[in-house]
């Protein structure tokens, strides 16, 4: 793990080089990109309850956590794009990019986190979820990719997390 931080904003993030899957299938994930992915941001948010069962309560929590990561991701992606990089947040619900043209493939955030961080995966009712070493299955994962180097991505992430924590 290159960088791992638990913030007061209640999330864990880490920055990594792209997985073999992302490098190999970039043209099917993000067909409009003309630059390779240099860095991957993994964001894991804790939840009050395990997200393995599909209930009204878990769907409400997923919606709220998706909103939080989408707001943060929008700020990070916008800043990186203004800095001249390609960047996109994959929708945790669909596996499709939120800002770029969608390709033929969806990104499986659980598979990326399992291969990158080595976390266990739970399979239940056709749904796979991360088994976090501290938070268990009460987590909501998401993935952001960029052509920016890890140092540039880290700077932008810290900038926007600091703003959230001061709010």
C-alpha atoms as a PDB file:
ATOM      1  CA  UNK A   1       0.000   0.000   0.000  1.00  0.00           C
ATOM      2  CA  UNK A   2       1.580   3.271  -1.052  1.00  0.00           C
ATOM      3  CA  UNK A   3      -0.391   5.693   1.103  1.00  0.00           C
ATOM      4  CA  UNK A   4      -3.063   4.781   3.580  1.00  0.00           C
ATOM      5  CA  UNK A   5      -4.895   7.274   5.680  1.00  0.00           C
ATOM      6  CA  UNK A   6      -7.930   7.225   7.898  1.00  0.00           C
ATOM      7  CA  UNK A   7      -9.340  10.723   7.967  1.00  0.00           C
ATOM      8  CA  UNK A   8     -11.621  12.553  10.354  1.00  0.00           C
ATOM      9  CA  UNK A   9     -14.046  12.590   7.427  1.00  0.00           C
ATOM     10  CA  UNK A  10     -14.538   8.865   8.134  1.00  0.00           C
ATOM     11  CA  UNK A  11     -12.896   7.208   5.195  1.00  0.00           C
ATOM     12  CA  UNK A  12      -9.749   5.315   4.387  1.00  0.00           C
ATOM     13  CA  UNK A  13      -7.902   5.971   1.180  1.00  0.00           C
ATOM     14  CA  UNK A  14      -4.809   4.663  -0.508  1.00  0.00           C
ATOM     15  CA  UNK A  15      -3.051   5.369  -3.795  1.00  0.00           C
ATOM     16  CA  UNK A  16      -1.647   2.611  -6.001  1.00  0.00           C
ATOM     17  CA  UNK A  17      -0.342   1.942  -9.486  1.00  0.00           C
ATOM     18  CA  UNK A  18      -3.017   0.575 -11.826  1.00  0.00           C
ATOM     19  CA  UNK A  19      -3.792  -3.130 -11.680  1.00  0.00           C
ATOM     20  CA  UNK A  20      -2.969  -5.395 -14.602  1.00  0.00           C
ATOM     21  CA  UNK A  21      -6.706  -5.515 -15.418  1.00  0.00           C
ATOM     22  CA  UNK A  22      -6.978  -1.710 -15.618  1.00  0.00           C
ATOM     23  CA  UNK A  23      -3.846  -1.426 -17.769  1.00  0.00           C
ATOM     24  CA  UNK A  24      -4.891  -4.246 -20.089  1.00  0.00           C
ATOM     25  CA  UNK A  25      -8.511  -3.152 -20.517  1.00  0.00           C
ATOM     26  CA  UNK A  26      -8.221   0.649 -20.403  1.00  0.00           C
ATOM     27  CA  UNK A  27      -9.618   1.013 -23.927  1.00  0.00           C
ATOM     28  CA  UNK A  28     -12.710  -0.989 -22.895  1.00  0.00           C
ATOM     29  CA  UNK A  29     -13.145   0.861 -19.585  1.00  0.00           C
ATOM     30  CA  UNK A  30     -12.374   4.407 -20.752  1.00  0.00           C
ATOM     31  CA  UNK A  31     -12.358   4.457 -24.577  1.00  0.00           C
ATOM     32  CA  UNK A  32     -12.054   8.251 -24.853  1.00  0.00           C
ATOM     33  CA  UNK A  33      -8.794   8.408 -22.886  1.00  0.00           C
ATOM     34  CA  UNK A  34      -5.585   9.060 -24.821  1.00  0.00           C
ATOM     35  CA  UNK A  35      -3.276   8.660 -21.810  1.00  0.00           C
ATOM     36  CA  UNK A  36      -2.605   5.641 -19.597  1.00  0.00           C
ATOM     37  CA  UNK A  37      -3.780   5.347 -16.001  1.00  0.00           C
ATOM     38  CA  UNK A  38      -0.838   6.180 -13.733  1.00  0.00           C
ATOM     39  CA  UNK A  39      -2.564   6.145 -10.337  1.00  0.00           C
ATOM     40  CA  UNK A  40      -5.575   4.525  -8.700  1.00  0.00           C
ATOM     41  CA  UNK A  41      -7.274   5.996  -5.647  1.00  0.00           C
ATOM     42  CA  UNK A  42      -9.101   3.472  -3.479  1.00  0.00           C
ATOM     43  CA  UNK A  43     -11.623   4.992  -1.070  1.00  0.00           C
ATOM     44  CA  UNK A  44     -13.293   2.881   1.604  1.00  0.00           C
ATOM     45  CA  UNK A  45     -16.002   4.413   3.774  1.00  0.00           C
ATOM     46  CA  UNK A  46     -17.169   2.737   6.987  1.00  0.00           C
ATOM     47  CA  UNK A  47     -20.885   2.194   7.483  1.00  0.00           C
ATOM     48  CA  UNK A  48     -22.997   1.798  10.610  1.00  0.00           C
ATOM     49  CA  UNK A  49     -24.108  -1.648   9.449  1.00  0.00           C
ATOM     50  CA  UNK A  50     -22.896  -4.500   7.265  1.00  0.00           C
ATOM     51  CA  UNK A  51     -23.856  -4.021   3.634  1.00  0.00           C
ATOM     52  CA  UNK A  52     -24.178  -7.706   2.733  1.00  0.00           C
ATOM     53  CA  UNK A  53     -27.971  -7.979   2.837  1.00  0.00           C
ATOM     54  CA  UNK A  54     -30.245  -5.962   0.584  1.00  0.00           C
ATOM     55  CA  UNK A  55     -32.713  -4.179   2.855  1.00  0.00           C
ATOM     56  CA  UNK A  56     -34.325  -0.755   2.860  1.00  0.00           C
ATOM     57  CA  UNK A  57     -31.897   0.312   5.580  1.00  0.00           C
ATOM     58  CA  UNK A  58     -28.764  -0.869   3.742  1.00  0.00           C
ATOM     59  CA  UNK A  59     -29.949   0.742   0.496  1.00  0.00           C
ATOM     60  CA  UNK A  60     -30.389   4.075   2.326  1.00  0.00           C
ATOM     61  CA  UNK A  61     -26.855   3.813   3.726  1.00  0.00           C
ATOM     62  CA  UNK A  62     -25.434   2.894   0.307  1.00  0.00           C
ATOM     63  CA  UNK A  63     -27.197   5.891  -1.239  1.00  0.00           C
ATOM     64  CA  UNK A  64     -25.782   8.261   1.412  1.00  0.00           C
ATOM     65  CA  UNK A  65     -22.258   6.856   1.121  1.00  0.00           C
ATOM     66  CA  UNK A  66     -22.438   7.005  -2.687  1.00  0.00           C
ATOM     67  CA  UNK A  67     -23.465  10.676  -2.437  1.00  0.00           C
ATOM     68  CA  UNK A  68     -20.491  11.422  -0.157  1.00  0.00           C
ATOM     69  CA  UNK A  69     -17.935   9.753  -2.398  1.00  0.00           C
ATOM     70  CA  UNK A  70     -19.482  11.259  -5.529  1.00  0.00           C
ATOM     71  CA  UNK A  71     -19.189  14.774  -4.075  1.00  0.00           C
ATOM     72  CA  UNK A  72     -15.572  14.186  -3.076  1.00  0.00           C
ATOM     73  CA  UNK A  73     -14.759  12.429  -6.362  1.00  0.00           C
ATOM     74  CA  UNK A  74     -16.276  15.261  -8.380  1.00  0.00           C
ATOM     75  CA  UNK A  75     -13.967  17.761  -6.660  1.00  0.00           C
ATOM     76  CA  UNK A  76     -10.889  15.579  -7.118  1.00  0.00           C
ATOM     77  CA  UNK A  77     -11.662  14.768 -10.772  1.00  0.00           C
ATOM     78  CA  UNK A  78     -12.414  18.420 -11.591  1.00  0.00           C
ATOM     79  CA  UNK A  79      -9.142  19.587  -9.994  1.00  0.00           C
ATOM     80  CA  UNK A  80      -7.093  16.923 -11.772  1.00  0.00           C
ATOM     81  CA  UNK A  81      -8.710  17.784 -15.111  1.00  0.00           C
ATOM     82  CA  UNK A  82      -7.992  21.482 -14.530  1.00  0.00           C
ATOM     83  CA  UNK A  83      -4.380  20.473 -13.881  1.00  0.00           C
ATOM     84  CA  UNK A  84      -4.297  18.791 -17.319  1.00  0.00           C
ATOM     85  CA  UNK A  85      -4.792  15.152 -16.344  1.00  0.00           C
ATOM     86  CA  UNK A  86      -7.380  12.574 -17.285  1.00  0.00           C
ATOM     87  CA  UNK A  87      -9.384  11.465 -14.248  1.00  0.00           C
ATOM     88  CA  UNK A  88     -12.591   9.611 -13.515  1.00  0.00           C
ATOM     89  CA  UNK A  89     -14.531   8.134 -10.630  1.00  0.00           C
ATOM     90  CA  UNK A  90     -16.192   4.797 -11.276  1.00  0.00           C
ATOM     91  CA  UNK A  91     -19.757   4.671 -10.025  1.00  0.00           C
ATOM     92  CA  UNK A  92     -19.739   2.160  -7.154  1.00  0.00           C
ATOM     93  CA  UNK A  93     -23.283   1.145  -8.044  1.00  0.00           C
ATOM     94  CA  UNK A  94     -22.753   0.441 -11.759  1.00  0.00           C
ATOM     95  CA  UNK A  95     -18.998   0.114 -12.312  1.00  0.00           C
ATOM     96  CA  UNK A  96     -19.191   2.718 -15.091  1.00  0.00           C
ATOM     97  CA  UNK A  97     -17.162   5.945 -15.288  1.00  0.00           C
ATOM     98  CA  UNK A  98     -19.062   8.993 -14.051  1.00  0.00           C
ATOM     99  CA  UNK A  99     -17.325  11.658 -16.173  1.00  0.00           C
ATOM    100  CA  UNK A 100     -15.993   9.903 -19.288  1.00  0.00           C
ATOM    101  CA  UNK A 101     -17.621   7.965 -22.087  1.00  0.00           C
ATOM    102  CA  UNK A 102     -18.426   4.432 -20.899  1.00  0.00           C
ATOM    103  CA  UNK A 103     -16.715   1.511 -22.537  1.00  0.00           C
ATOM    104  CA  UNK A 104     -17.762  -2.099 -22.998  1.00  0.00           C
ATOM    105  CA  UNK A 105     -16.508  -3.170 -19.553  1.00  0.00           C
ATOM    106  CA  UNK A 106     -17.504  -2.240 -16.025  1.00  0.00           C
ATOM    107  CA  UNK A 107     -14.922  -1.871 -13.267  1.00  0.00           C
ATOM    108  CA  UNK A 108     -15.428  -4.253 -10.356  1.00  0.00           C
ATOM    109  CA  UNK A 109     -14.327  -2.198  -7.343  1.00  0.00           C
ATOM    110  CA  UNK A 110     -14.422  -5.253  -5.061  1.00  0.00           C
ATOM    111  CA  UNK A 111     -12.038  -7.150  -7.384  1.00  0.00           C
ATOM    112  CA  UNK A 112      -9.672  -4.156  -7.615  1.00  0.00           C
ATOM    113  CA  UNK A 113      -9.558  -3.809  -3.826  1.00  0.00           C
ATOM    114  CA  UNK A 114      -9.113  -7.549  -3.303  1.00  0.00           C
ATOM    115  CA  UNK A 115      -6.195  -7.706  -5.758  1.00  0.00           C
ATOM    116  CA  UNK A 116      -4.610  -4.452  -4.566  1.00  0.00           C
ATOM    117  CA  UNK A 117      -5.092  -4.590  -0.792  1.00  0.00           C
ATOM    118  CA  UNK A 118      -5.549  -8.327  -0.332  1.00  0.00           C
ATOM    119  CA  UNK A 119      -8.804  -7.948   1.585  1.00  0.00           C
ATOM    120  CA  UNK A 120     -11.116 -10.944   1.782  1.00  0.00           C
ATOM    121  CA  UNK A 121     -14.395 -10.918  -0.111  1.00  0.00           C
ATOM    122  CA  UNK A 122     -17.786 -12.154   1.080  1.00  0.00           C
ATOM    123  CA  UNK A 123     -20.219 -13.660  -1.426  1.00  0.00           C
ATOM    124  CA  UNK A 124     -23.837 -13.482  -0.366  1.00  0.00           C
ATOM    125  CA  UNK A 125     -26.942 -13.632  -2.497  1.00  0.00           C
ATOM    126  CA  UNK A 126     -25.072 -12.886  -5.707  1.00  0.00           C
ATOM    127  CA  UNK A 127     -23.450  -9.803  -4.157  1.00  0.00           C
ATOM    128  CA  UNK A 128     -19.774  -9.517  -3.276  1.00  0.00           C
ATOM    129  CA  UNK A 129     -18.516  -7.209  -0.575  1.00  0.00           C
ATOM    130  CA  UNK A 130     -15.160  -6.373   0.952  1.00  0.00           C
ATOM    131  CA  UNK A 131     -14.226  -7.789   4.355  1.00  0.00           C
ATOM    132  CA  UNK A 132     -12.238  -4.903   5.867  1.00  0.00           C
ATOM    133  CA  UNK A 133      -9.751  -5.940   8.589  1.00  0.00           C
ATOM    134  CA  UNK A 134     -11.249  -3.442  11.079  1.00  0.00           C
ATOM    135  CA  UNK A 135     -14.734  -2.575   9.830  1.00  0.00           C
ATOM    136  CA  UNK A 136     -15.715  -6.016   8.537  1.00  0.00           C
ATOM    137  CA  UNK A 137     -18.378  -5.946   5.833  1.00  0.00           C
ATOM    138  CA  UNK A 138     -19.698  -2.562   6.975  1.00  0.00           C
ATOM    139  CA  UNK A 139     -17.833  -0.710   4.205  1.00  0.00           C
ATOM    140  CA  UNK A 140     -18.565   1.087   0.940  1.00  0.00           C
ATOM    141  CA  UNK A 141     -15.695   0.961  -1.595  1.00  0.00           C
ATOM    142  CA  UNK A 142     -15.014   3.185  -4.595  1.00  0.00           C
ATOM    143  CA  UNK A 143     -12.301   3.661  -7.219  1.00  0.00           C
ATOM    144  CA  UNK A 144     -10.933   6.771  -8.941  1.00  0.00           C
ATOM    145  CA  UNK A 145      -8.361   6.534 -11.733  1.00  0.00           C
ATOM    146  CA  UNK A 146      -6.139   9.220 -13.224  1.00  0.00           C
ATOM    147  CA  UNK A 147      -3.252   9.820 -15.578  1.00  0.00           C
ATOM    148  CA  UNK A 148      -1.656  11.922 -12.808  1.00  0.00           C
ATOM    149  CA  UNK A 149       1.300  10.523 -10.895  1.00  0.00           C
ATOM    150  CA  UNK A 150       0.727   9.409  -7.312  1.00  0.00           C
ATOM    151  CA  UNK A 151       2.302  12.588  -5.878  1.00  0.00           C
ATOM    152  CA  UNK A 152      -0.065  14.857  -7.819  1.00  0.00           C
ATOM    153  CA  UNK A 153      -3.063  12.721  -6.898  1.00  0.00           C
ATOM    154  CA  UNK A 154      -2.082  12.718  -3.208  1.00  0.00           C
ATOM    155  CA  UNK A 155      -1.792  16.524  -3.228  1.00  0.00           C
ATOM    156  CA  UNK A 156      -5.286  16.939  -4.718  1.00  0.00           C
ATOM    157  CA  UNK A 157      -6.846  14.344  -2.387  1.00  0.00           C
ATOM    158  CA  UNK A 158      -5.361  16.001   0.705  1.00  0.00           C
ATOM    159  CA  UNK A 159      -6.456  19.441  -0.481  1.00  0.00           C
ATOM    160  CA  UNK A 160     -10.083  18.379  -0.816  1.00  0.00           C
ATOM    161  CA  UNK A 161     -10.167  16.215   2.316  1.00  0.00           C
ATOM    162  CA  UNK A 162      -8.769  19.127   4.334  1.00  0.00           C
ATOM    163  CA  UNK A 163     -11.564  21.338   2.991  1.00  0.00           C
ATOM    164  CA  UNK A 164     -14.187  18.740   3.979  1.00  0.00           C
ATOM    165  CA  UNK A 165     -12.757  18.330   7.463  1.00  0.00           C
ATOM    166  CA  UNK A 166     -12.757  22.092   8.027  1.00  0.00           C
ATOM    167  CA  UNK A 167     -16.368  22.456   6.889  1.00  0.00           C
END
